[in-house]
Structures are given as structure tokens and as C-alpha cells.
């Protein structure tokens, strides 16, 4: 089984090709493609690559499906005997993406190791 662990919006997600995710809102239009370049780990059968902290040569491609709001969260504060009651609600803005590819980047970085005097 081939999968990767990516990070987006301060959260980590285990993704496979064809999976539909709801992540925190990103700046991308519906129908466009998005590239997750912060890949922490990839697994392909017995081959495991672990980044320190990220893998330089791996990217995860996704197609943006659309945006939606998450479930409503209700927070209530209450203090007994003082008539203090506060209720606050929250709905997260989410982006739905479908993972299309787990691939390596073609660009190769070269590092020169010459000493300057």
C-alpha cells in the first residue's frame, strides 16, 4: 500500500491516491490543482522515507473540489449563583480536496562544496 503523511494548516494527514479530505481553508479555486510540498513520510510497500522535517524530493498533488463549512461547535460558559451565562458558536471553513498523485519532484538541487578564501 502506498501512502504519505502531509502537513497542512498545522495538522497532519495520512493520504492515499483517490482519497477525499476536508482540510482547513486554503487559497485555491474549485477545480484547480494544489501541490502539498510539506511531506513528512512516504511508504511504498517495504520502502519507507522519513523527512527531517520534510522530504525535499516528494510532493503530493490534489484537485480542489470546493469549499464548505464544518459542523457547528457550541461553547457555553456558566457560573453558578452569579447569573453568568455565555454561549458562543463556531463553524470552521473547510476545503475539500481529492488526492491525485504521490510523486517525486523532478528538480534536483546541487550543492557546491567549494571553500571561499
N, C-alpha and C. Protein backbone atom coordinates (compact mmCIF):
# COMPACT_ATOMS: atom_id res chain seq x y z
N UNK A 1 0.84 -1.18 0.00
CA UNK A 1 0.00 0.00 0.00
C UNK A 1 0.88 1.24 0.00
N UNK A 2 0.56 2.20 -0.86
CA UNK A 2 1.35 3.41 -0.98
C UNK A 2 0.59 4.56 -0.33
N UNK A 3 1.23 5.23 0.65
CA UNK A 3 0.61 6.37 1.29
C UNK A 3 1.68 7.36 1.73
N UNK A 4 1.23 8.55 2.11
CA UNK A 4 2.13 9.60 2.57
C UNK A 4 1.48 10.31 3.75
N UNK A 5 2.30 10.99 4.53
CA UNK A 5 1.82 11.83 5.63
C UNK A 5 2.23 13.26 5.28
N UNK A 6 1.21 14.13 5.15
CA UNK A 6 1.46 15.52 4.80
C UNK A 6 1.01 16.42 5.95
N UNK A 7 1.44 17.66 5.91
CA UNK A 7 1.00 18.63 6.90
C UNK A 7 0.38 19.82 6.18
N UNK A 8 -0.76 20.27 6.70
CA UNK A 8 -1.45 21.43 6.14
C UNK A 8 -2.25 22.09 7.25
N UNK A 9 -2.07 23.37 7.42
CA UNK A 9 -2.81 24.10 8.45
C UNK A 9 -2.46 23.68 9.86
N UNK A 10 -1.23 23.21 10.08
CA UNK A 10 -0.80 22.80 11.41
C UNK A 10 -1.28 21.42 11.82
N UNK A 11 -1.88 20.68 10.88
CA UNK A 11 -2.36 19.34 11.17
C UNK A 11 -1.71 18.35 10.21
N UNK A 12 -1.64 17.11 10.62
CA UNK A 12 -1.05 16.06 9.80
C UNK A 12 -2.13 15.13 9.28
N UNK A 13 -1.98 14.70 8.02
CA UNK A 13 -2.96 13.83 7.38
C UNK A 13 -2.24 12.67 6.71
N UNK A 14 -2.78 11.47 6.87
CA UNK A 14 -2.29 10.29 6.16
C UNK A 14 -3.14 10.18 4.90
N UNK A 15 -2.50 10.25 3.71
CA UNK A 15 -3.25 10.31 2.46
C UNK A 15 -2.84 9.19 1.51
N UNK A 16 -3.80 8.74 0.71
CA UNK A 16 -3.58 7.80 -0.38
C UNK A 16 -4.22 8.38 -1.63
N UNK A 17 -3.87 7.84 -2.77
CA UNK A 17 -4.42 8.33 -4.04
C UNK A 17 -5.91 8.00 -4.09
N UNK A 18 -6.72 9.00 -4.49
CA UNK A 18 -8.16 8.83 -4.59
C UNK A 18 -8.93 9.21 -3.34
N UNK A 19 -8.25 9.53 -2.27
CA UNK A 19 -8.89 9.88 -1.01
C UNK A 19 -9.39 11.33 -1.06
N UNK A 20 -10.56 11.58 -0.47
CA UNK A 20 -11.11 12.93 -0.38
C UNK A 20 -10.95 13.42 1.05
N UNK A 21 -10.30 14.59 1.21
CA UNK A 21 -10.01 15.16 2.53
C UNK A 21 -10.75 16.47 2.72
N UNK A 22 -11.06 16.79 3.96
CA UNK A 22 -11.55 18.10 4.34
C UNK A 22 -10.47 18.73 5.21
N UNK A 23 -9.79 19.74 4.66
CA UNK A 23 -8.70 20.40 5.37
C UNK A 23 -9.10 21.84 5.66
N UNK A 24 -8.32 22.52 6.50
CA UNK A 24 -8.56 23.93 6.75
C UNK A 24 -8.47 24.70 5.44
N UNK A 25 -9.19 25.80 5.36
CA UNK A 25 -9.33 26.56 4.12
C UNK A 25 -7.97 26.97 3.55
N UNK A 26 -7.79 26.72 2.24
CA UNK A 26 -6.60 27.12 1.53
C UNK A 26 -7.01 28.07 0.41
N UNK A 27 -6.07 28.85 -0.07
CA UNK A 27 -6.35 29.80 -1.14
C UNK A 27 -6.21 29.09 -2.48
N UNK A 28 -7.29 28.46 -2.93
CA UNK A 28 -7.31 27.79 -4.22
C UNK A 28 -8.76 27.74 -4.69
N UNK A 29 -8.96 27.91 -5.99
CA UNK A 29 -10.30 27.88 -6.56
C UNK A 29 -10.75 26.44 -6.79
N UNK A 30 -12.07 26.25 -6.83
CA UNK A 30 -12.63 24.92 -7.09
C UNK A 30 -12.27 24.50 -8.51
N UNK A 31 -11.84 23.25 -8.66
CA UNK A 31 -11.45 22.73 -9.96
C UNK A 31 -9.97 22.87 -10.26
N UNK A 32 -9.25 23.66 -9.48
CA UNK A 32 -7.82 23.83 -9.71
C UNK A 32 -7.02 22.73 -9.02
N UNK A 33 -5.74 22.68 -9.31
CA UNK A 33 -4.87 21.70 -8.67
C UNK A 33 -4.04 22.39 -7.59
N UNK A 34 -3.67 21.62 -6.58
CA UNK A 34 -2.89 22.15 -5.46
C UNK A 34 -1.78 21.16 -5.16
N UNK A 35 -0.61 21.66 -4.82
CA UNK A 35 0.54 20.81 -4.56
C UNK A 35 0.95 20.94 -3.10
N UNK A 36 0.90 19.84 -2.36
CA UNK A 36 1.36 19.81 -0.97
C UNK A 36 2.83 19.43 -1.00
N UNK A 37 3.71 20.37 -0.63
CA UNK A 37 5.14 20.08 -0.67
C UNK A 37 5.72 19.77 0.70
N UNK A 38 4.92 19.90 1.75
CA UNK A 38 5.38 19.57 3.09
C UNK A 38 4.99 18.12 3.40
N UNK A 39 5.81 17.19 2.90
CA UNK A 39 5.57 15.76 3.07
C UNK A 39 6.50 15.26 4.16
N UNK A 40 5.94 14.64 5.19
CA UNK A 40 6.73 14.17 6.32
C UNK A 40 7.23 12.75 6.13
N UNK A 41 6.44 11.90 5.45
CA UNK A 41 6.76 10.48 5.36
C UNK A 41 6.09 9.89 4.13
N UNK A 42 6.76 8.96 3.47
CA UNK A 42 6.13 8.18 2.40
C UNK A 42 6.41 6.71 2.63
N UNK A 43 5.43 5.87 2.30
CA UNK A 43 5.57 4.42 2.42
C UNK A 43 5.11 3.82 1.11
N UNK A 44 5.96 2.98 0.51
CA UNK A 44 5.63 2.27 -0.72
C UNK A 44 6.06 0.82 -0.54
N UNK A 45 5.14 0.00 -0.05
CA UNK A 45 5.48 -1.40 0.23
C UNK A 45 6.41 -1.47 1.42
N UNK A 46 7.64 -1.95 1.18
CA UNK A 46 8.63 -2.05 2.24
C UNK A 46 9.54 -0.83 2.31
N UNK A 47 9.42 0.08 1.35
CA UNK A 47 10.27 1.26 1.31
C UNK A 47 9.64 2.40 2.09
N UNK A 48 10.38 2.89 3.08
CA UNK A 48 9.89 3.99 3.93
C UNK A 48 10.89 5.13 3.85
N UNK A 49 10.39 6.34 3.57
CA UNK A 49 11.23 7.54 3.57
C UNK A 49 10.70 8.47 4.65
N UNK A 50 11.59 8.92 5.53
CA UNK A 50 11.21 9.81 6.61
C UNK A 50 11.96 11.11 6.42
N UNK A 51 11.25 12.24 6.45
CA UNK A 51 11.87 13.54 6.29
C UNK A 51 12.38 14.10 7.59
N UNK A 52 13.34 15.03 7.47
CA UNK A 52 13.90 15.70 8.64
C UNK A 52 13.84 17.19 8.41
N UNK A 53 12.81 17.93 8.65
CA UNK A 53 11.47 17.50 9.00
C UNK A 53 10.64 17.12 7.77
N UNK A 54 11.01 17.64 6.56
CA UNK A 54 10.24 17.34 5.36
C UNK A 54 11.12 16.64 4.33
N UNK A 55 10.48 15.90 3.42
CA UNK A 55 11.18 15.28 2.31
C UNK A 55 11.32 16.31 1.20
N UNK A 56 12.54 16.50 0.68
CA UNK A 56 12.78 17.52 -0.33
C UNK A 56 12.28 17.11 -1.71
N UNK A 57 12.33 15.83 -2.03
CA UNK A 57 12.07 15.40 -3.40
C UNK A 57 10.69 14.79 -3.61
N UNK A 58 9.78 14.97 -2.68
CA UNK A 58 8.45 14.35 -2.78
C UNK A 58 7.37 15.43 -2.67
N UNK A 59 6.31 15.29 -3.49
CA UNK A 59 5.17 16.20 -3.43
C UNK A 59 3.89 15.40 -3.61
N UNK A 60 2.81 15.91 -3.06
CA UNK A 60 1.51 15.27 -3.18
C UNK A 60 0.60 16.22 -3.96
N UNK A 61 0.06 15.73 -5.08
CA UNK A 61 -0.83 16.54 -5.90
C UNK A 61 -2.28 16.29 -5.52
N UNK A 62 -3.09 17.36 -5.57
CA UNK A 62 -4.50 17.25 -5.22
C UNK A 62 -5.34 18.13 -6.13
N UNK A 63 -6.60 17.75 -6.29
CA UNK A 63 -7.56 18.55 -7.05
C UNK A 63 -8.55 19.14 -6.05
N UNK A 64 -8.76 20.45 -6.13
CA UNK A 64 -9.66 21.13 -5.21
C UNK A 64 -11.09 20.90 -5.68
N UNK A 65 -11.91 20.33 -4.81
CA UNK A 65 -13.31 20.05 -5.14
C UNK A 65 -14.18 21.27 -4.83
N UNK A 66 -14.00 21.86 -3.67
CA UNK A 66 -14.79 23.02 -3.29
C UNK A 66 -14.62 23.36 -1.83
N UNK A 67 -15.40 24.35 -1.39
CA UNK A 67 -15.34 24.78 0.00
C UNK A 67 -16.66 24.50 0.69
N UNK A 68 -16.62 24.33 2.00
CA UNK A 68 -17.82 24.13 2.79
C UNK A 68 -17.55 24.54 4.22
N UNK A 69 -18.60 24.55 5.01
CA UNK A 69 -18.45 24.84 6.44
C UNK A 69 -18.53 23.54 7.22
N UNK A 70 -17.79 23.48 8.31
CA UNK A 70 -17.78 22.29 9.14
C UNK A 70 -18.98 22.26 10.08
N UNK A 71 -18.99 21.27 10.94
CA UNK A 71 -20.07 21.14 11.91
C UNK A 71 -20.01 22.28 12.93
N UNK A 72 -21.17 22.62 13.47
CA UNK A 72 -21.25 23.69 14.43
C UNK A 72 -20.76 23.21 15.79
N UNK A 73 -19.91 24.00 16.40
CA UNK A 73 -19.41 23.73 17.75
C UNK A 73 -19.97 24.80 18.65
N UNK A 74 -20.56 24.40 19.76
CA UNK A 74 -21.19 25.32 20.68
C UNK A 74 -20.42 25.33 22.00
N UNK A 75 -19.98 26.49 22.43
CA UNK A 75 -19.22 26.63 23.67
C UNK A 75 -20.07 27.43 24.65
N UNK A 76 -20.33 26.87 25.83
CA UNK A 76 -21.15 27.54 26.83
C UNK A 76 -20.33 27.74 28.10
N UNK A 77 -20.40 28.96 28.64
CA UNK A 77 -19.75 29.27 29.92
C UNK A 77 -20.85 29.53 30.93
N UNK A 78 -20.65 29.07 32.13
CA UNK A 78 -21.69 29.17 33.16
C UNK A 78 -21.03 29.26 34.52
N UNK A 79 -21.49 30.21 35.33
CA UNK A 79 -21.05 30.30 36.72
C UNK A 79 -22.29 30.25 37.60
N UNK A 80 -22.27 29.37 38.56
CA UNK A 80 -23.43 29.19 39.43
C UNK A 80 -23.59 30.38 40.38
N UNK A 81 -24.82 30.70 40.68
CA UNK A 81 -25.21 31.70 41.68
C UNK A 81 -24.84 33.13 41.31
N UNK A 82 -24.36 33.41 40.11
CA UNK A 82 -24.00 34.77 39.74
C UNK A 82 -24.72 35.25 38.49
N UNK A 83 -25.60 34.42 37.95
CA UNK A 83 -26.35 34.73 36.74
C UNK A 83 -25.44 35.04 35.55
N UNK A 84 -24.37 34.29 35.44
CA UNK A 84 -23.42 34.48 34.33
C UNK A 84 -23.56 33.31 33.36
N UNK A 85 -24.01 33.62 32.14
CA UNK A 85 -24.14 32.60 31.10
C UNK A 85 -23.72 33.20 29.77
N UNK A 86 -22.82 32.53 29.05
CA UNK A 86 -22.40 32.97 27.73
C UNK A 86 -22.38 31.77 26.80
N UNK A 87 -22.93 31.93 25.61
CA UNK A 87 -22.92 30.86 24.61
C UNK A 87 -22.31 31.43 23.34
N UNK A 88 -21.35 30.70 22.80
CA UNK A 88 -20.67 31.13 21.58
C UNK A 88 -20.61 29.96 20.62
N UNK A 89 -20.80 30.22 19.34
CA UNK A 89 -20.75 29.17 18.34
C UNK A 89 -19.60 29.36 17.38
N UNK A 90 -19.24 28.27 16.68
CA UNK A 90 -18.12 28.31 15.74
C UNK A 90 -18.35 27.26 14.65
N UNK A 91 -18.12 27.65 13.40
CA UNK A 91 -18.13 26.71 12.27
C UNK A 91 -16.87 26.94 11.46
N UNK A 92 -16.07 25.91 11.29
CA UNK A 92 -14.81 26.03 10.57
C UNK A 92 -15.05 26.11 9.06
N UNK A 93 -14.24 26.91 8.37
CA UNK A 93 -14.27 26.97 6.92
C UNK A 93 -13.30 25.91 6.40
N UNK A 94 -13.80 24.99 5.59
CA UNK A 94 -13.02 23.86 5.12
C UNK A 94 -12.92 23.86 3.60
N UNK A 95 -11.88 23.22 3.09
CA UNK A 95 -11.71 23.00 1.66
C UNK A 95 -11.66 21.50 1.43
N UNK A 96 -12.45 21.01 0.49
CA UNK A 96 -12.42 19.59 0.13
C UNK A 96 -11.44 19.40 -1.02
N UNK A 97 -10.50 18.45 -0.85
CA UNK A 97 -9.53 18.13 -1.90
C UNK A 97 -9.52 16.63 -2.12
N UNK A 98 -9.24 16.25 -3.36
CA UNK A 98 -9.08 14.83 -3.71
C UNK A 98 -7.63 14.61 -4.09
N UNK A 99 -6.98 13.66 -3.44
CA UNK A 99 -5.57 13.38 -3.68
C UNK A 99 -5.45 12.67 -5.03
N UNK A 100 -4.62 13.23 -5.93
CA UNK A 100 -4.49 12.66 -7.28
C UNK A 100 -3.17 11.95 -7.49
N UNK A 101 -2.10 12.38 -6.82
CA UNK A 101 -0.81 11.74 -7.08
C UNK A 101 0.12 11.86 -5.88
N UNK A 102 0.93 10.85 -5.72
CA UNK A 102 2.04 10.85 -4.76
C UNK A 102 3.29 10.64 -5.60
N UNK A 103 4.05 11.70 -5.82
CA UNK A 103 5.17 11.58 -6.76
C UNK A 103 6.39 12.31 -6.26
N UNK A 104 7.49 12.03 -6.92
CA UNK A 104 8.74 12.71 -6.61
C UNK A 104 8.89 13.91 -7.53
N UNK A 105 9.48 14.96 -7.01
CA UNK A 105 9.74 16.14 -7.82
C UNK A 105 10.89 15.83 -8.77
N UNK A 106 10.87 16.43 -9.93
CA UNK A 106 11.91 16.18 -10.92
C UNK A 106 13.14 17.06 -10.71
N UNK A 107 12.98 18.14 -10.00
CA UNK A 107 14.10 19.05 -9.82
C UNK A 107 15.12 18.45 -8.87
N UNK A 108 16.38 18.63 -9.22
CA UNK A 108 17.46 18.13 -8.37
C UNK A 108 18.27 19.33 -7.90
N UNK A 109 18.50 19.41 -6.63
CA UNK A 109 19.27 20.50 -6.07
C UNK A 109 20.73 20.11 -6.02
N UNK A 110 21.57 21.00 -6.49
CA UNK A 110 23.00 20.74 -6.44
C UNK A 110 23.63 21.68 -5.43
N UNK A 111 24.52 21.15 -4.65
CA UNK A 111 25.18 21.93 -3.62
C UNK A 111 26.67 21.93 -3.92
N UNK A 112 27.25 23.10 -4.07
CA UNK A 112 28.68 23.18 -4.32
C UNK A 112 29.41 23.22 -2.99
N UNK A 113 30.47 22.44 -2.92
CA UNK A 113 31.23 22.37 -1.68
C UNK A 113 32.61 22.96 -1.87
N UNK A 114 32.69 24.16 -2.38
CA UNK A 114 33.98 24.83 -2.58
C UNK A 114 34.18 25.83 -1.47
N UNK A 115 35.39 25.94 -1.03
CA UNK A 115 35.72 26.89 0.03
C UNK A 115 36.09 28.23 -0.59
N UNK A 116 35.56 29.29 -0.03
CA UNK A 116 35.91 30.64 -0.49
C UNK A 116 36.95 31.21 0.46
N UNK A 117 37.96 31.87 -0.13
CA UNK A 117 39.03 32.46 0.69
C UNK A 117 38.97 33.95 0.68
